[in-house]
PDB file of N, CA and C in Angstrom:
ATOM      1  N   MET A   1      28.625 -89.624-222.696  1.00  0.00           N
ATOM      2  CA  MET A   1      28.290 -88.914-221.475  1.00  0.00           C
ATOM      3  C   MET A   1      28.608 -89.823-220.299  1.00  0.00           C
ATOM      4  N   LYS A   2      29.448 -89.319-219.425  1.00  0.00           N
ATOM      5  CA  LYS A   2      29.879 -90.150-218.308  1.00  0.00           C
ATOM      6  C   LYS A   2      29.402 -89.553-216.988  1.00  0.00           C
ATOM      7  N   THR A   3      28.118 -89.506-216.845  1.00  0.00           N
ATOM      8  CA  THR A   3      27.590 -88.959-215.608  1.00  0.00           C
ATOM      9  C   THR A   3      26.360 -89.720-215.172  1.00  0.00           C
ATOM     10  N   PHE A   4      25.965 -89.497-213.939  1.00  0.00           N
ATOM     11  CA  PHE A   4      24.853 -90.308-213.506  1.00  0.00           C
ATOM     12  C   PHE A   4      24.046 -89.846-212.317  1.00  0.00           C
ATOM     13  N   ILE A   5      23.273 -90.781-211.875  1.00  0.00           N
ATOM     14  CA  ILE A   5      22.354 -90.558-210.812  1.00  0.00           C
ATOM     15  C   ILE A   5      22.848 -90.965-209.428  1.00  0.00           C
ATOM     16  N   LEU A   6      21.743 -91.670-209.190  1.00  0.00           N
ATOM     17  CA  LEU A   6      21.408 -92.408-208.139  1.00  0.00           C
ATOM     18  C   LEU A   6      21.250 -92.562-207.397  1.00  0.00           C
ATOM     19  N   ILE A   7      21.603 -92.432-207.758  1.00  0.00           N
ATOM     20  CA  ILE A   7      21.100 -92.950-206.945  1.00  0.00           C
ATOM     21  C   ILE A   7      20.576 -92.443-206.612  1.00  0.00           C
ATOM     22  N   CYS A   8      21.565 -92.535-207.760  1.00  0.00           N
ATOM     23  CA  CYS A   8      21.207 -92.491-207.433  1.00  0.00           C
ATOM     24  C   CYS A   8      20.789 -92.363-206.755  1.00  0.00           C
ATOM     25  N   LEU A   9      20.989 -92.226-206.325  1.00  0.00           N
ATOM     26  CA  LEU A   9      19.970 -92.188-205.795  1.00  0.00           C
ATOM     27  C   LEU A   9      19.900 -91.574-204.828  1.00  0.00           C
ATOM     28  N   SER A  10      20.211 -91.928-204.725  1.00  0.00           N
ATOM     29  CA  SER A  10      20.164 -92.171-204.359  1.00  0.00           C
ATOM     30  C   SER A  10      19.342 -90.474-203.996  1.00  0.00           C
ATOM     31  N   ALA A  11      17.186 -88.660-202.707  1.00  0.00           N
ATOM     32  CA  ALA A  11      16.315 -87.531-202.451  1.00  0.00           C
ATOM     33  C   ALA A  11      15.970 -87.396-200.982  1.00  0.00           C
ATOM     34  N   LEU A  12      16.336 -86.720-199.846  1.00  0.00           N
ATOM     35  CA  LEU A  12      15.131 -86.181-199.508  1.00  0.00           C
ATOM     36  C   LEU A  12      14.762 -85.559-198.233  1.00  0.00           C
ATOM     37  N   VAL A  13      13.977 -85.461-197.573  1.00  0.00           N
ATOM     38  CA  VAL A  13      12.726 -84.893-197.906  1.00  0.00           C
ATOM     39  C   VAL A  13      12.091 -84.318-196.670  1.00  0.00           C
ATOM     40  N   VAL A  14      11.479 -83.283-196.884  1.00  0.00           N
ATOM     41  CA  VAL A  14      10.679 -82.689-195.830  1.00  0.00           C
ATOM     42  C   VAL A  14       9.344 -83.392-195.791  1.00  0.00           C
ATOM     43  N   ALA A  15       8.633 -83.246-194.727  1.00  0.00           N
ATOM     44  CA  ALA A  15       7.359 -83.957-194.591  1.00  0.00           C
ATOM     45  C   ALA A  15       6.428 -83.673-195.755  1.00  0.00           C
ATOM     46  N   ALA A  16       6.425 -82.478-196.260  1.00  0.00           N
ATOM     47  CA  ALA A  16       5.542 -82.133-197.373  1.00  0.00           C
ATOM     48  C   ALA A  16       5.885 -82.899-198.633  1.00  0.00           C
ATOM     49  N   ALA A  17       7.139 -83.316-198.768  1.00  0.00           N
ATOM     50  CA  ALA A  17       7.564 -84.036-199.960  1.00  0.00           C
ATOM     51  C   ALA A  17       7.626 -85.545-199.733  1.00  0.00           C
ATOM     52  N   ALA A  18       7.155 -86.008-198.619  1.00  0.00           N
ATOM     53  CA  ALA A  18       7.249 -87.427-198.277  1.00  0.00           C
ATOM     54  C   ALA A  18       6.591 -88.328-199.320  1.00  0.00           C
ATOM     55  N   ASP A  19       5.427 -87.936-199.821  1.00  0.00           N
ATOM     56  CA  ASP A  19       4.752 -88.751-200.825  1.00  0.00           C
ATOM     57  C   ASP A  19       5.574 -88.845-202.098  1.00  0.00           C
ATOM     58  N   LYS A  20       6.162 -87.729-202.510  1.00  0.00           N
ATOM     59  CA  LYS A  20       6.998 -87.743-203.702  1.00  0.00           C
ATOM     60  C   LYS A  20       8.224 -88.617-203.476  1.00  0.00           C
ATOM     61  N   PHE A  21       8.784 -88.568-202.277  1.00  0.00           N
ATOM     62  CA  PHE A  21       9.934 -89.398-201.961  1.00  0.00           C
ATOM     63  C   PHE A  21       9.545 -90.867-201.992  1.00  0.00           C
ATOM     64  N   ASP A  22       8.392 -91.188-201.436  1.00  0.00           N
ATOM     65  CA  ASP A  22       7.924 -92.573-201.496  1.00  0.00           C
ATOM     66  C   ASP A  22       7.781 -93.021-202.941  1.00  0.00           C
ATOM     67  N   ASP A  23       7.275 -92.137-203.798  1.00  0.00           N
ATOM     68  CA  ASP A  23       7.158 -92.456-205.222  1.00  0.00           C
ATOM     69  C   ASP A  23       8.535 -92.744-205.816  1.00  0.00           C
ATOM     70  N   LEU A  24       9.518 -91.935-205.467  1.00  0.00           N
ATOM     71  CA  LEU A  24      10.873 -92.127-205.969  1.00  0.00           C
ATOM     72  C   LEU A  24      11.442 -93.457-205.481  1.00  0.00           C
ATOM     73  N   MET A  25      11.181 -93.798-204.243  1.00  0.00           N
ATOM     74  CA  MET A  25      11.706 -95.047-203.682  1.00  0.00           C
ATOM     75  C   MET A  25      11.060 -96.275-204.322  1.00  0.00           C
ATOM     76  N   ASN A  26       9.905 -96.086-204.943  1.00  0.00           N
ATOM     77  CA  ASN A  26       9.216 -97.202-205.580  1.00  0.00           C
ATOM     78  C   ASN A  26       9.553 -97.356-207.059  1.00  0.00           C
ATOM     79  N   VAL A  27      10.433 -96.525-207.564  1.00  0.00           N
ATOM     80  CA  VAL A  27      10.827 -96.591-208.971  1.00  0.00           C
ATOM     81  C   VAL A  27      11.667 -97.841-209.214  1.00  0.00           C
ATOM     82  N   ASP A  28      11.432 -98.499-210.338  1.00  0.00           N
ATOM     83  CA  ASP A  28      12.248 -99.641-210.754  1.00  0.00           C
ATOM     84  C   ASP A  28      13.486 -99.080-211.455  1.00  0.00           C
ATOM     85  N   PHE A  29      14.535 -98.804-210.681  1.00  0.00           N
ATOM     86  CA  PHE A  29      15.732 -98.176-211.232  1.00  0.00           C
ATOM     87  C   PHE A  29      16.465 -99.087-212.208  1.00  0.00           C
ATOM     88  N   GLU A  30      16.368-100.389-212.016  1.00  0.00           N
ATOM     89  CA  GLU A  30      17.013-101.309-212.953  1.00  0.00           C
ATOM     90  C   GLU A  30      16.411-101.123-214.349  1.00  0.00           C
ATOM     91  N   LYS A  31      15.113-101.045-214.416  1.00  0.00           N
ATOM     92  CA  LYS A  31      14.429-100.844-215.700  1.00  0.00           C
ATOM     93  C   LYS A  31      14.688 -99.435-216.231  1.00  0.00           C
ATOM     94  N   LEU A  32      14.544 -98.437-215.372  1.00  0.00           N
ATOM     95  CA  LEU A  32      14.721 -97.045-215.782  1.00  0.00           C
ATOM     96  C   LEU A  32      16.121 -96.799-216.338  1.00  0.00           C
ATOM     97  N   LEU A  33      17.127 -97.246-215.633  1.00  0.00           N
ATOM     98  CA  LEU A  33      18.503 -96.988-216.044  1.00  0.00           C
ATOM     99  C   LEU A  33      19.003 -97.957-217.098  1.00  0.00           C
ATOM    100  N   GLY A  34      18.293 -99.049-217.289  1.00  0.00           N
ATOM    101  CA  GLY A  34      18.678-100.035-218.295  1.00  0.00           C
ATOM    102  C   GLY A  34      18.549 -99.516-219.716  1.00  0.00           C
ATOM    103  N   ASP A  35      17.714 -98.518-219.911  1.00  0.00           N
ATOM    104  CA  ASP A  35      17.549 -97.903-221.224  1.00  0.00           C
ATOM    105  C   ASP A  35      18.583 -96.776-221.343  1.00  0.00           C
ATOM    106  N   GLU A  36      19.506 -96.916-222.273  1.00  0.00           N
ATOM    107  CA  GLU A  36      20.620 -95.978-222.389  1.00  0.00           C
ATOM    108  C   GLU A  36      20.166 -94.535-222.610  1.00  0.00           C
ATOM    109  N   GLU A  37      19.208 -94.326-223.478  1.00  0.00           N
ATOM    110  CA  GLU A  37      18.734 -92.966-223.751  1.00  0.00           C
ATOM    111  C   GLU A  37      18.100 -92.345-222.512  1.00  0.00           C
ATOM    112  N   THR A  38      17.305 -93.125-221.809  1.00  0.00           N
ATOM    113  CA  THR A  38      16.681 -92.635-220.580  1.00  0.00           C
ATOM    114  C   THR A  38      17.743 -92.308-219.545  1.00  0.00           C
ATOM    115  N   ARG A  39      18.721 -93.186-219.403  1.00  0.00           N
ATOM    116  CA  ARG A  39      19.807 -92.970-218.454  1.00  0.00           C
ATOM    117  C   ARG A  39      20.563 -91.678-218.782  1.00  0.00           C
ATOM    118  N   LYS A  40      20.878 -91.467-220.061  1.00  0.00           N
ATOM    119  CA  LYS A  40      21.583 -90.243-220.465  1.00  0.00           C
ATOM    120  C   LYS A  40      20.756 -89.004-220.148  1.00  0.00           C
ATOM    121  N   GLN A  41      19.459 -89.057-220.421  1.00  0.00           N
ATOM    122  CA  GLN A  41      18.586 -87.917-220.148  1.00  0.00           C
ATOM    123  C   GLN A  41      18.519 -87.638-218.652  1.00  0.00           C
ATOM    124  N   LEU A  42      18.348 -88.662-217.856  1.00  0.00           N
ATOM    125  CA  LEU A  42      18.237 -88.496-216.415  1.00  0.00           C
ATOM    126  C   LEU A  42      19.537 -87.977-215.814  1.00  0.00           C
ATOM    127  N   VAL A  43      20.635 -88.551-216.212  1.00  0.00           N
ATOM    128  CA  VAL A  43      21.932 -88.109-215.702  1.00  0.00           C
ATOM    129  C   VAL A  43      22.217 -86.680-216.158  1.00  0.00           C
ATOM    130  N   GLY A  44      21.928 -86.389-217.408  1.00  0.00           N
ATOM    131  CA  GLY A  44      22.103 -85.032-217.910  1.00  0.00           C
ATOM    132  C   GLY A  44      21.279 -84.034-217.112  1.00  0.00           C
ATOM    133  N   CYS A  45      20.086 -84.412-216.757  1.00  0.00           N
ATOM    134  CA  CYS A  45      19.220 -83.576-215.926  1.00  0.00           C
ATOM    135  C   CYS A  45      19.865 -83.350-214.557  1.00  0.00           C
ATOM    136  N   LEU A  46      20.290 -84.413-213.919  1.00  0.00           N
ATOM    137  CA  LEU A  46      20.874 -84.303-212.582  1.00  0.00           C
ATOM    138  C   LEU A  46      22.172 -83.507-212.577  1.00  0.00           C
ATOM    139  N   MET A  47      22.880 -83.532-213.692  1.00  0.00           N
ATOM    140  CA  MET A  47      24.153 -82.822-213.787  1.00  0.00           C
ATOM    141  C   MET A  47      23.971 -81.414-214.353  1.00  0.00           C
ATOM    142  N   ASP A  48      22.740 -80.991-214.556  1.00  0.00           N
ATOM    143  CA  ASP A  48      22.429 -79.670-215.108  1.00  0.00           C
ATOM    144  C   ASP A  48      23.003 -79.486-216.507  1.00  0.00           C
ATOM    145  N   GLU A  49      23.037 -80.562-217.269  1.00  0.00           N
ATOM    146  CA  GLU A  49      23.554 -80.520-218.634  1.00  0.00           C
ATOM    147  C   GLU A  49      22.451 -80.611-219.681  1.00  0.00           C
ATOM    148  N   LEU A  50      21.300 -81.150-219.289  1.00  0.00           N
ATOM    149  CA  LEU A  50      20.159 -81.313-220.198  1.00  0.00           C
ATOM    150  C   LEU A  50      18.895 -80.874-219.472  1.00  0.00           C
ATOM    151  N   PRO A  51      17.873 -80.484-220.229  1.00  0.00           N
ATOM    152  CA  PRO A  51      16.593 -80.178-219.572  1.00  0.00           C
ATOM    153  C   PRO A  51      16.035 -81.440-218.923  1.00  0.00           C
ATOM    154  N   CYS A  52      15.328 -81.253-217.834  1.00  0.00           N
ATOM    155  CA  CYS A  52      14.827 -82.409-217.087  1.00  0.00           C
ATOM    156  C   CYS A  52      13.534 -82.988-217.641  1.00  0.00           C
ATOM    157  N   GLY A  53      12.646 -82.143-218.099  1.00  0.00           N
ATOM    158  CA  GLY A  53      11.378 -82.655-218.595  1.00  0.00           C
ATOM    159  C   GLY A  53      10.686 -83.519-217.567  1.00  0.00           C
ATOM    160  N   GLU A  54      10.367 -84.734-217.959  1.00  0.00           N
ATOM    161  CA  GLU A  54       9.636 -85.635-217.062  1.00  0.00           C
ATOM    162  C   GLU A  54      10.445 -86.095-215.856  1.00  0.00           C
ATOM    163  N   TYR A  55      11.737 -85.795-215.831  1.00  0.00           N
ATOM    164  CA  TYR A  55      12.591 -86.200-214.710  1.00  0.00           C
ATOM    165  C   TYR A  55      12.820 -85.080-213.699  1.00  0.00           C
ATOM    166  N   GLN A  56      12.056 -84.000-213.786  1.00  0.00           N
ATOM    167  CA  GLN A  56      12.229 -82.878-212.864  1.00  0.00           C
ATOM    168  C   GLN A  56      12.051 -83.294-211.408  1.00  0.00           C
ATOM    169  N   SER A  57      11.126 -84.204-211.144  1.00  0.00           N
ATOM    170  CA  SER A  57      10.921 -84.624-209.751  1.00  0.00           C
ATOM    171  C   SER A  57      12.169 -85.306-209.190  1.00  0.00           C
ATOM    172  N   TYR A  58      12.907 -86.014-210.031  1.00  0.00           N
ATOM    173  CA  TYR A  58      14.164 -86.623-209.588  1.00  0.00           C
ATOM    174  C   TYR A  58      15.160 -85.522-209.233  1.00  0.00           C
ATOM    175  N   ARG A  59      15.223 -84.510-210.090  1.00  0.00           N
ATOM    176  CA  ARG A  59      16.152 -83.393-209.885  1.00  0.00           C
ATOM    177  C   ARG A  59      15.804 -82.631-208.607  1.00  0.00           C
ATOM    178  N   ASP A  60      14.537 -82.583-208.291  1.00  0.00           N
ATOM    179  CA  ASP A  60      14.095 -81.876-207.093  1.00  0.00           C
ATOM    180  C   ASP A  60      14.428 -82.637-205.812  1.00  0.00           C
ATOM    181  N   LEU A  61      14.452 -83.948-205.866  1.00  0.00           N
ATOM    182  CA  LEU A  61      14.605 -84.762-204.664  1.00  0.00           C
ATOM    183  C   LEU A  61      16.015 -85.313-204.439  1.00  0.00           C
ATOM    184  N   ILE A  62      16.671 -85.728-205.476  1.00  0.00           N
ATOM    185  CA  ILE A  62      17.939 -86.442-205.328  1.00  0.00           C
ATOM    186  C   ILE A  62      19.051 -85.605-204.682  1.00  0.00           C
ATOM    187  N   PRO A  63      19.198 -84.316-204.988  1.00  0.00           N
ATOM    188  CA  PRO A  63      20.272 -83.574-204.323  1.00  0.00           C
ATOM    189  C   PRO A  63      20.196 -83.621-202.795  1.00  0.00           C
ATOM    190  N   ASP A  64      19.002 -83.443-202.243  1.00  0.00           N
ATOM    191  CA  ASP A  64      18.861 -83.487-200.787  1.00  0.00           C
ATOM    192  C   ASP A  64      19.102 -84.894-200.261  1.00  0.00           C
ATOM    193  N   LEU A  65      18.647 -85.876-200.983  1.00  0.00           N
ATOM    194  CA  LEU A  65      18.855 -87.261-200.590  1.00  0.00           C
ATOM    195  C   LEU A  65      20.346 -87.570-200.483  1.00  0.00           C
ATOM    196  N   ILE A  66      21.105 -87.141-201.474  1.00  0.00           N
ATOM    197  CA  ILE A  66      22.547 -87.387-201.469  1.00  0.00           C
ATOM    198  C   ILE A  66      23.226 -86.549-200.386  1.00  0.00           C
ATOM    199  N   ALA A  67      22.869 -85.282-200.308  1.00  0.00           N
ATOM    200  CA  ALA A  67      23.519 -84.380-199.348  1.00  0.00           C
ATOM    201  C   ALA A  67      23.331 -84.826-197.906  1.00  0.00           C
ATOM    202  N   THR A  68      22.173 -85.408-197.610  1.00  0.00           N
ATOM    203  CA  THR A  68      21.890 -85.822-196.233  1.00  0.00           C
ATOM    204  C   THR A  68      22.081 -87.317-196.012  1.00  0.00           C
ATOM    205  N   ASN A  69      22.486 -88.023-197.082  1.00  0.00           N
ATOM    206  CA  ASN A  69      22.594 -89.479-197.023  1.00  0.00           C
ATOM    207  C   ASN A  69      21.304 -90.095-196.485  1.00  0.00           C
ATOM    208  N   CYS A  70      20.218 -89.612-197.038  1.00  0.00           N
ATOM    209  CA  CYS A  70      18.882 -90.091-196.680  1.00  0.00           C
ATOM    210  C   CYS A  70      18.590 -89.832-195.200  1.00  0.00           C
ATOM    211  N   GLY A  71      19.134 -88.737-194.705  1.00  0.00           N
ATOM    212  CA  GLY A  71      18.998 -88.406-193.290  1.00  0.00           C
ATOM    213  C   GLY A  71      17.573 -88.141-192.831  1.00  0.00           C
ATOM    214  N   LYS A  72      16.698 -87.778-193.739  1.00  0.00           N
ATOM    215  CA  LYS A  72      15.305 -87.495-193.389  1.00  0.00           C
ATOM    216  C   LYS A  72      14.406 -88.689-193.685  1.00  0.00           C
ATOM    217  N   CYS A  73      15.001 -89.805-194.014  1.00  0.00           N
ATOM    218  CA  CYS A  73      14.251 -90.993-194.424  1.00  0.00           C
ATOM    219  C   CYS A  73      13.759 -91.804-193.237  1.00  0.00           C
ATOM    220  N   THR A  74      12.681 -92.511-193.485  1.00  0.00           N
ATOM    221  CA  THR A  74      12.224 -93.505-192.525  1.00  0.00           C
ATOM    222  C   THR A  74      13.186 -94.694-192.624  1.00  0.00           C
ATOM    223  N   PRO A  75      13.155 -95.601-191.665  1.00  0.00           N
ATOM    224  CA  PRO A  75      14.024 -96.787-191.777  1.00  0.00           C
ATOM    225  C   PRO A  75      13.789 -97.584-193.069  1.00  0.00           C
ATOM    226  N   GLU A  76      12.537 -97.686-193.496  1.00  0.00           N
ATOM    227  CA  GLU A  76      12.236 -98.409-194.730  1.00  0.00           C
ATOM    228  C   GLU A  76      12.811 -97.683-195.943  1.00  0.00           C
ATOM    229  N   GLN A  77      12.676 -96.368-195.966  1.00  0.00           N
ATOM    230  CA  GLN A  77      13.213 -95.588-197.070  1.00  0.00           C
ATOM    231  C   GLN A  77      14.741 -95.662-197.085  1.00  0.00           C
ATOM    232  N   LYS A  78      15.348 -95.633-195.914  1.00  0.00           N
ATOM    233  CA  LYS A  78      16.804 -95.715-195.812  1.00  0.00           C
ATOM    234  C   LYS A  78      17.293 -97.057-196.377  1.00  0.00           C
ATOM    235  N   LYS A  79      16.590 -98.125-196.050  1.00  0.00           N
ATOM    236  CA  LYS A  79      16.962 -99.443-196.570  1.00  0.00           C
ATOM    237  C   LYS A  79      16.870 -99.455-198.097  1.00  0.00           C
ATOM    238  N   ARG A  80      15.811 -98.919-198.634  1.00  0.00           N
ATOM    239  CA  ARG A  80      15.630 -98.861-200.091  1.00  0.00           C
ATOM    240  C   ARG A  80      16.700 -97.975-200.722  1.00  0.00           C
ATOM    241  N   HIS A  81      17.002 -96.867-200.098  1.00  0.00           N
ATOM    242  CA  HIS A  81      18.050 -95.963-200.572  1.00  0.00           C
ATOM    243  C   HIS A  81      19.382 -96.713-200.679  1.00  0.00           C
ATOM    244  N   GLU A  82      19.720 -97.480-199.674  1.00  0.00           N
ATOM    245  CA  GLU A  82      20.974 -98.244-199.682  1.00  0.00           C
ATOM    246  C   GLU A  82      20.972 -99.298-200.791  1.00  0.00           C
ATOM    247  N   GLU A  83      19.851 -99.956-201.002  1.00  0.00           N
ATOM    248  CA  GLU A  83      19.735-100.950-202.071  1.00  0.00           C
ATOM    249  C   GLU A  83      19.934-100.310-203.447  1.00  0.00           C
ATOM    250  N   VAL A  84      19.286 -99.169-203.648  1.00  0.00           N
ATOM    251  CA  VAL A  84      19.387 -98.466-204.930  1.00  0.00           C
ATOM    252  C   VAL A  84      20.816 -97.985-205.145  1.00  0.00           C
ATOM    253  N   ASN A  85      21.421 -97.410-204.111  1.00  0.00           N
ATOM    254  CA  ASN A  85      22.810 -96.960-204.230  1.00  0.00           C
ATOM    255  C   ASN A  85      23.734 -98.097-204.632  1.00  0.00           C
ATOM    256  N   LYS A  86      23.584 -99.222-203.985  1.00  0.00           N
ATOM    257  CA  LYS A  86      24.439-100.383-204.284  1.00  0.00           C
ATOM    258  C   LYS A  86      24.264-100.820-205.739  1.00  0.00           C
ATOM    259  N   PHE A  87      23.022-100.909-206.180  1.00  0.00           N
ATOM    260  CA  PHE A  87      22.741-101.311-207.557  1.00  0.00           C
ATOM    261  C   PHE A  87      23.384-100.348-208.550  1.00  0.00           C
ATOM    262  N   ILE A  88      23.158 -99.057-208.343  1.00  0.00           N
ATOM    263  CA  ILE A  88      23.669 -98.064-209.288  1.00  0.00           C
ATOM    264  C   ILE A  88      25.189 -98.021-209.274  1.00  0.00           C
ATOM    265  N   LEU A  89      25.781 -98.091-208.110  1.00  0.00           N
ATOM    266  CA  LEU A  89      27.238 -98.079-208.018  1.00  0.00           C
ATOM    267  C   LEU A  89      27.848 -99.276-208.743  1.00  0.00           C
ATOM    268  N   GLU A  90      27.228-100.437-208.623  1.00  0.00           N
ATOM    269  CA  GLU A  90      27.747-101.641-209.288  1.00  0.00           C
ATOM    270  C   GLU A  90      27.561-101.589-210.799  1.00  0.00           C
ATOM    271  N   LYS A  91      26.417-101.107-211.266  1.00  0.00           N
ATOM    272  CA  LYS A  91      26.097-101.128-212.701  1.00  0.00           C
ATOM    273  C   LYS A  91      26.581 -99.891-213.460  1.00  0.00           C
ATOM    274  N   TYR A  92      26.586 -98.747-212.800  1.00  0.00           N
ATOM    275  CA  TYR A  92      26.902 -97.474-213.463  1.00  0.00           C
ATOM    276  C   TYR A  92      27.833 -96.631-212.584  1.00  0.00           C
ATOM    277  N   PRO A  93      29.018 -97.129-212.285  1.00  0.00           N
ATOM    278  CA  PRO A  93      29.898 -96.427-211.329  1.00  0.00           C
ATOM    279  C   PRO A  93      30.311 -95.028-211.773  1.00  0.00           C
ATOM    280  N   THR A  94      30.560 -94.820-213.040  1.00  0.00           N
ATOM    281  CA  THR A  94      30.986 -93.497-213.509  1.00  0.00           C
ATOM    282  C   THR A  94      29.884 -92.471-213.271  1.00  0.00           C
ATOM    283  N   GLU A  95      28.677 -92.814-213.663  1.00  0.00           N
ATOM    284  CA  GLU A  95      27.549 -91.919-213.501  1.00  0.00           C
ATOM    285  C   GLU A  95      27.234 -91.706-212.022  1.00  0.00           C
ATOM    286  N   TYR A  96      27.263 -92.781-211.266  1.00  0.00           N
ATOM    287  CA  TYR A  96      26.994 -92.696-209.825  1.00  0.00           C
ATOM    288  C   TYR A  96      27.955 -91.721-209.157  1.00  0.00           C
ATOM    289  N   ASN A  97      29.240 -91.904-209.408  1.00  0.00           N
ATOM    290  CA  ASN A  97      30.249 -91.059-208.771  1.00  0.00           C
ATOM    291  C   ASN A  97      30.118 -89.599-209.191  1.00  0.00           C
ATOM    292  N   ALA A  98      29.810 -89.349-210.450  1.00  0.00           N
ATOM    293  CA  ALA A  98      29.655 -87.975-210.918  1.00  0.00           C
ATOM    294  C   ALA A  98      28.505 -87.279-210.190  1.00  0.00           C
ATOM    295  N   VAL A  99      27.377 -87.946-210.093  1.00  0.00           N
ATOM    296  CA  VAL A  99      26.207 -87.340-209.456  1.00  0.00           C
ATOM    297  C   VAL A  99      26.446 -87.178-207.951  1.00  0.00           C
ATOM    298  N   VAL A 100      26.955 -88.205-207.315  1.00  0.00           N
ATOM    299  CA  VAL A 100      27.210 -88.119-205.874  1.00  0.00           C
ATOM    300  C   VAL A 100      28.225 -87.018-205.583  1.00  0.00           C
ATOM    301  N   ASN A 101      29.277 -86.923-206.377  1.00  0.00           N
ATOM    302  CA  ASN A 101      30.287 -85.886-206.155  1.00  0.00           C
ATOM    303  C   ASN A 101      29.707 -84.486-206.359  1.00  0.00           C
ATOM    304  N   LYS A 102      28.753 -84.363-207.239  1.00  0.00           N
ATOM    305  CA  LYS A 102      28.118 -83.058-207.479  1.00  0.00           C
ATOM    306  C   LYS A 102      27.307 -82.604-206.262  1.00  0.00           C
ATOM    307  N   TYR A 103      26.620 -83.522-205.610  1.00  0.00           N
ATOM    308  CA  TYR A 103      25.690 -83.148-204.553  1.00  0.00           C
ATOM    309  C   TYR A 103      26.167 -83.435-203.133  1.00  0.00           C
ATOM    310  N   ARG A 104      27.220 -84.192-202.979  1.00  0.00           N
ATOM    311  CA  ARG A 104      27.744 -84.476-201.641  1.00  0.00           C
ATOM    312  C   ARG A 104      28.360 -83.191-201.084  1.00  0.00           C
ATOM    313  N   PRO A 105      28.064 -82.879-199.821  1.00  0.00           N
ATOM    314  CA  PRO A 105      28.670 -81.678-199.239  1.00  0.00           C
ATOM    315  C   PRO A 105      30.203 -81.773-199.261  1.00  0.00           C
ATOM    316  N   LYS A 106      30.822 -80.649-199.561  1.00  0.00           N
ATOM    317  CA  LYS A 106      32.276 -80.605-199.642  1.00  0.00           C
ATOM    318  C   LYS A 106      32.864 -80.483-198.247  1.00  0.00           C
ATOM    319  N   ALA A 107      33.910 -81.255-197.968  1.00  0.00           N
ATOM    320  CA  ALA A 107      34.606 -81.170-196.679  1.00  0.00           C
ATOM    321  C   ALA A 107      35.395 -79.860-196.638  1.00  0.00           C
ATOM    322  N   GLU A 108      35.390 -79.263-195.476  1.00  0.00           N
ATOM    323  CA  GLU A 108      36.129 -77.994-195.362  1.00  0.00           C
ATOM    324  C   GLU A 108      37.351 -78.164-194.529  1.00  0.00           C
TER     325      GLU A 108
END
């Protein structure tokens, strides 16, 4: 499976979801993504290829985070978002690019 997060990472967020976004920003992504099975499940969830289960909150937040480039983030959240993106891009570029390409707005 050649897909990913991240960034990750990289969610977010309306004021009502701010607490959930803060929770996401506090995740140890190095540990989370370091486990291959967990990484496959999370990426599969984000790519709509696998059920999300316990990763549903990631699926709920990450698309908006990517689409807006953390546009609704506080300065602290934006800094963390950039750190997480850099980490994921360096360690898991295939997965990072797949997820970002899925949720990044398409140029017209």
